[in-house]
Amino acid sequence: MSGQRTFTMLKPDAVEKGYTGAILNQINEAGFRIVALKKTQMTTSDAQTFYAIHKERPFFGELVEYMTRGPIIAAILEKDNAVEDFRALIGATNPADAAEGTIRKKYAVSISENAVHGSDSDENAEIEGAFHFSGREMF
């Protein structure tokens, strides 16, 4: 379903602060249908694999540590133009630059603790969703 699905994670900071319900509600109100959802915790190996594209970047170790410090909420979302619409809903990576009303403007505190992940392409949405969910977990 290329173009109709995206992947998201509510990151440890958002889960720790109790923002899960509010963020999921905002996602629903924006017209996304949740086709897969679970609370889980990434291992160091999981985070290193998931973020392998950033392996050579100076922040990689901190990113892995951050993403493994507590539970996340992983979800696959469905809607026409899912990736682009969800990226608009979450806002800029830096919450200071995010538009009013976006998830990051409301719930993120910094570039490094930015509350939510959203796939940046249809291809990555498929890869990231498959990383966290089997086919029988999607409805």
C-alpha atoms as a PDB file:
ATOM      1  CA  MET A   1       0.000   0.000   0.000  1.00  0.00           C
ATOM      2  CA  SER A   2       2.711   2.427  -1.044  1.00  0.00           C
ATOM      3  CA  GLY A   3       1.796   6.013  -0.284  1.00  0.00           C
ATOM      4  CA  GLN A   4      -0.902   5.008   2.151  1.00  0.00           C
ATOM      5  CA  ARG A   5       1.116   3.807   5.146  1.00  0.00           C
ATOM      6  CA  THR A   6       3.763   5.273   7.373  1.00  0.00           C
ATOM      7  CA  PHE A   7       5.569   4.211  10.515  1.00  0.00           C
ATOM      8  CA  THR A   8       5.863   6.132  13.766  1.00  0.00           C
ATOM      9  CA  MET A   9       7.386   5.680  17.187  1.00  0.00           C
ATOM     10  CA  LEU A  10       6.453   7.634  20.251  1.00  0.00           C
ATOM     11  CA  LYS A  11       9.896   7.945  21.762  1.00  0.00           C
ATOM     12  CA  PRO A  12      10.910   7.248  25.377  1.00  0.00           C
ATOM     13  CA  ASP A  13      10.595  10.893  26.460  1.00  0.00           C
ATOM     14  CA  ALA A  14       6.965  11.113  25.268  1.00  0.00           C
ATOM     15  CA  VAL A  15       6.069   7.791  26.905  1.00  0.00           C
ATOM     16  CA  GLU A  16       7.825   8.745  30.181  1.00  0.00           C
ATOM     17  CA  LYS A  17       5.893  12.020  30.367  1.00  0.00           C
ATOM     18  CA  GLY A  18       2.535  10.343  29.796  1.00  0.00           C
ATOM     19  CA  TYR A  19       1.850  11.901  26.386  1.00  0.00           C
ATOM     20  CA  THR A  20       0.894   8.616  24.679  1.00  0.00           C
ATOM     21  CA  GLY A  21      -2.886   9.107  24.769  1.00  0.00           C
ATOM     22  CA  ALA A  22      -2.771  12.746  23.696  1.00  0.00           C
ATOM     23  CA  ILE A  23      -0.422  12.041  20.783  1.00  0.00           C
ATOM     24  CA  LEU A  24      -2.421   9.027  19.583  1.00  0.00           C
ATOM     25  CA  ASN A  25      -5.579  11.130  19.809  1.00  0.00           C
ATOM     26  CA  GLN A  26      -3.993  13.868  17.688  1.00  0.00           C
ATOM     27  CA  ILE A  27      -2.969  11.226  15.133  1.00  0.00           C
ATOM     28  CA  ASN A  28      -6.540   9.888  15.004  1.00  0.00           C
ATOM     29  CA  GLU A  29      -8.025  13.372  14.723  1.00  0.00           C
ATOM     30  CA  ALA A  30      -5.730  14.039  11.743  1.00  0.00           C
ATOM     31  CA  GLY A  31      -7.433  11.204   9.896  1.00  0.00           C
ATOM     32  CA  PHE A  32      -4.883   8.420  10.307  1.00  0.00           C
ATOM     33  CA  ARG A  33      -6.068   4.878  10.920  1.00  0.00           C
ATOM     34  CA  ILE A  34      -3.841   2.829  13.233  1.00  0.00           C
ATOM     35  CA  VAL A  35      -3.237  -0.540  11.562  1.00  0.00           C
ATOM     36  CA  ALA A  36      -0.631  -1.797  14.066  1.00  0.00           C
ATOM     37  CA  LEU A  37       0.240  -0.642  17.582  1.00  0.00           C
ATOM     38  CA  LYS A  38       2.379  -1.898  20.438  1.00  0.00           C
ATOM     39  CA  LYS A  39       4.353  -0.809  23.446  1.00  0.00           C
ATOM     40  CA  THR A  40       7.837  -2.271  23.447  1.00  0.00           C
ATOM     41  CA  GLN A  41      11.389  -1.482  24.462  1.00  0.00           C
ATOM     42  CA  MET A  42      14.251  -1.473  22.014  1.00  0.00           C
ATOM     43  CA  THR A  43      17.448  -3.304  22.927  1.00  0.00           C
ATOM     44  CA  THR A  44      20.811  -1.751  22.174  1.00  0.00           C
ATOM     45  CA  SER A  45      21.096  -4.072  19.180  1.00  0.00           C
ATOM     46  CA  ASP A  46      17.597  -3.061  17.978  1.00  0.00           C
ATOM     47  CA  ALA A  47      18.419   0.639  18.176  1.00  0.00           C
ATOM     48  CA  GLN A  48      21.801   0.211  16.491  1.00  0.00           C
ATOM     49  CA  THR A  49      20.138  -1.679  13.632  1.00  0.00           C
ATOM     50  CA  PHE A  50      17.151   0.661  13.312  1.00  0.00           C
ATOM     51  CA  TYR A  51      19.365   3.771  13.244  1.00  0.00           C
ATOM     52  CA  ALA A  52      22.273   2.201  11.288  1.00  0.00           C
ATOM     53  CA  ILE A  53      22.020   5.000   8.724  1.00  0.00           C
ATOM     54  CA  HIS A  54      23.387   7.338  11.445  1.00  0.00           C
ATOM     55  CA  LYS A  55      26.189   4.997  12.567  1.00  0.00           C
ATOM     56  CA  GLU A  56      29.003   7.342  11.520  1.00  0.00           C
ATOM     57  CA  ARG A  57      27.378  10.471  12.955  1.00  0.00           C
ATOM     58  CA  PRO A  58      28.740  11.889  16.224  1.00  0.00           C
ATOM     59  CA  PHE A  59      25.362  11.617  17.976  1.00  0.00           C
ATOM     60  CA  PHE A  60      24.858   7.885  17.232  1.00  0.00           C
ATOM     61  CA  GLY A  61      25.837   6.640  20.713  1.00  0.00           C
ATOM     62  CA  GLU A  62      23.595   9.171  22.435  1.00  0.00           C
ATOM     63  CA  LEU A  63      20.733   8.299  20.067  1.00  0.00           C
ATOM     64  CA  VAL A  64      21.030   4.587  20.862  1.00  0.00           C
ATOM     65  CA  GLU A  65      21.200   5.308  24.600  1.00  0.00           C
ATOM     66  CA  TYR A  66      18.148   7.576  24.398  1.00  0.00           C
ATOM     67  CA  MET A  67      16.063   5.136  22.379  1.00  0.00           C
ATOM     68  CA  THR A  68      16.807   2.261  24.764  1.00  0.00           C
ATOM     69  CA  ARG A  69      16.238   4.081  28.043  1.00  0.00           C
ATOM     70  CA  GLY A  70      12.550   3.232  28.232  1.00  0.00           C
ATOM     71  CA  PRO A  71       9.532   1.916  26.353  1.00  0.00           C
ATOM     72  CA  ILE A  72       8.348   3.243  23.025  1.00  0.00           C
ATOM     73  CA  ILE A  73       5.012   3.031  21.251  1.00  0.00           C
ATOM     74  CA  ALA A  74       5.452   1.687  17.705  1.00  0.00           C
ATOM     75  CA  ALA A  75       2.652   2.125  15.173  1.00  0.00           C
ATOM     76  CA  ILE A  76       1.837   1.770  11.516  1.00  0.00           C
ATOM     77  CA  LEU A  77      -0.573   4.401  10.278  1.00  0.00           C
ATOM     78  CA  GLU A  78      -2.731   4.457   7.177  1.00  0.00           C
ATOM     79  CA  LYS A  79      -4.055   7.430   5.211  1.00  0.00           C
ATOM     80  CA  ASP A  80      -3.721   8.747   1.671  1.00  0.00           C
ATOM     81  CA  ASN A  81      -0.373  10.552   1.349  1.00  0.00           C
ATOM     82  CA  ALA A  82       0.582   9.092   4.743  1.00  0.00           C
ATOM     83  CA  VAL A  83       4.303   9.888   4.897  1.00  0.00           C
ATOM     84  CA  GLU A  84       4.015  13.519   3.831  1.00  0.00           C
ATOM     85  CA  ASP A  85       0.880  14.209   5.894  1.00  0.00           C
ATOM     86  CA  PHE A  86       2.402  12.628   9.002  1.00  0.00           C
ATOM     87  CA  ARG A  87       5.662  14.570   8.625  1.00  0.00           C
ATOM     88  CA  ALA A  88       3.560  17.752   8.519  1.00  0.00           C
ATOM     89  CA  LEU A  89       1.626  16.635  11.618  1.00  0.00           C
ATOM     90  CA  ILE A  90       4.752  15.969  13.686  1.00  0.00           C
ATOM     91  CA  GLY A  91       6.574  19.138  12.685  1.00  0.00           C
ATOM     92  CA  ALA A  92      10.249  20.039  12.397  1.00  0.00           C
ATOM     93  CA  THR A  93      12.861  17.922  14.188  1.00  0.00           C
ATOM     94  CA  ASN A  94      13.751  20.929  16.327  1.00  0.00           C
ATOM     95  CA  PRO A  95      10.606  21.759  18.310  1.00  0.00           C
ATOM     96  CA  ALA A  96      11.651  25.427  18.375  1.00  0.00           C
ATOM     97  CA  ASP A  97      11.225  25.438  14.580  1.00  0.00           C
ATOM     98  CA  ALA A  98       8.046  23.321  14.531  1.00  0.00           C
ATOM     99  CA  ALA A  99       4.760  24.898  13.496  1.00  0.00           C
ATOM    100  CA  GLU A 100       2.151  25.653  16.152  1.00  0.00           C
ATOM    101  CA  GLY A 101      -0.125  22.714  16.844  1.00  0.00           C
ATOM    102  CA  THR A 102       2.314  20.061  15.621  1.00  0.00           C
ATOM    103  CA  ILE A 103       3.168  17.119  17.845  1.00  0.00           C
ATOM    104  CA  ARG A 104       6.773  18.209  18.336  1.00  0.00           C
ATOM    105  CA  LYS A 105       5.781  21.793  19.121  1.00  0.00           C
ATOM    106  CA  LYS A 106       3.424  20.505  21.827  1.00  0.00           C
ATOM    107  CA  TYR A 107       5.403  17.617  23.304  1.00  0.00           C
ATOM    108  CA  ALA A 108       9.110  17.746  22.368  1.00  0.00           C
ATOM    109  CA  VAL A 109      11.729  19.563  24.400  1.00  0.00           C
ATOM    110  CA  SER A 110      14.790  19.506  22.113  1.00  0.00           C
ATOM    111  CA  ILE A 111      16.231  18.197  18.869  1.00  0.00           C
ATOM    112  CA  SER A 112      17.526  15.123  20.681  1.00  0.00           C
ATOM    113  CA  GLU A 113      14.343  14.509  22.713  1.00  0.00           C
ATOM    114  CA  ASN A 114      11.783  15.237  20.041  1.00  0.00           C
ATOM    115  CA  ALA A 115       8.928  12.968  21.187  1.00  0.00           C
ATOM    116  CA  VAL A 116       8.125  11.155  17.949  1.00  0.00           C
ATOM    117  CA  HIS A 117       9.640   9.530  14.889  1.00  0.00           C
ATOM    118  CA  GLY A 118       8.019   9.585  11.468  1.00  0.00           C
ATOM    119  CA  SER A 119       9.243   7.791   8.351  1.00  0.00           C
ATOM    120  CA  ASP A 120      10.761  10.087   5.742  1.00  0.00           C
ATOM    121  CA  SER A 121       9.785   8.070   2.646  1.00  0.00           C
ATOM    122  CA  ASP A 122       7.397   5.342   1.510  1.00  0.00           C
ATOM    123  CA  GLU A 123      10.351   2.942   1.239  1.00  0.00           C
ATOM    124  CA  ASN A 124      11.556   3.665   4.783  1.00  0.00           C
ATOM    125  CA  ALA A 125       8.000   3.426   6.123  1.00  0.00           C
ATOM    126  CA  GLU A 126       7.805  -0.118   4.791  1.00  0.00           C
ATOM    127  CA  ILE A 127      11.252  -1.062   6.153  1.00  0.00           C
ATOM    128  CA  GLU A 128      10.649   0.511   9.563  1.00  0.00           C
ATOM    129  CA  GLY A 129       7.178  -0.992   9.912  1.00  0.00           C
ATOM    130  CA  ALA A 130       8.513  -4.460   9.053  1.00  0.00           C
ATOM    131  CA  PHE A 131      11.282  -3.994  11.637  1.00  0.00           C
ATOM    132  CA  HIS A 132       8.711  -3.703  14.433  1.00  0.00           C
ATOM    133  CA  PHE A 133       5.713  -5.700  13.159  1.00  0.00           C
ATOM    134  CA  SER A 134       5.033  -8.996  11.448  1.00  0.00           C
ATOM    135  CA  GLY A 135       2.336  -9.153   8.776  1.00  0.00           C
ATOM    136  CA  ARG A 136      -0.085 -10.817  11.193  1.00  0.00           C
ATOM    137  CA  GLU A 137       0.159  -7.838  13.558  1.00  0.00           C
ATOM    138  CA  MET A 138      -1.273  -5.400  11.024  1.00  0.00           C
ATOM    139  CA  PHE A 139      -5.029  -4.933  10.661  1.00  0.00           C
END
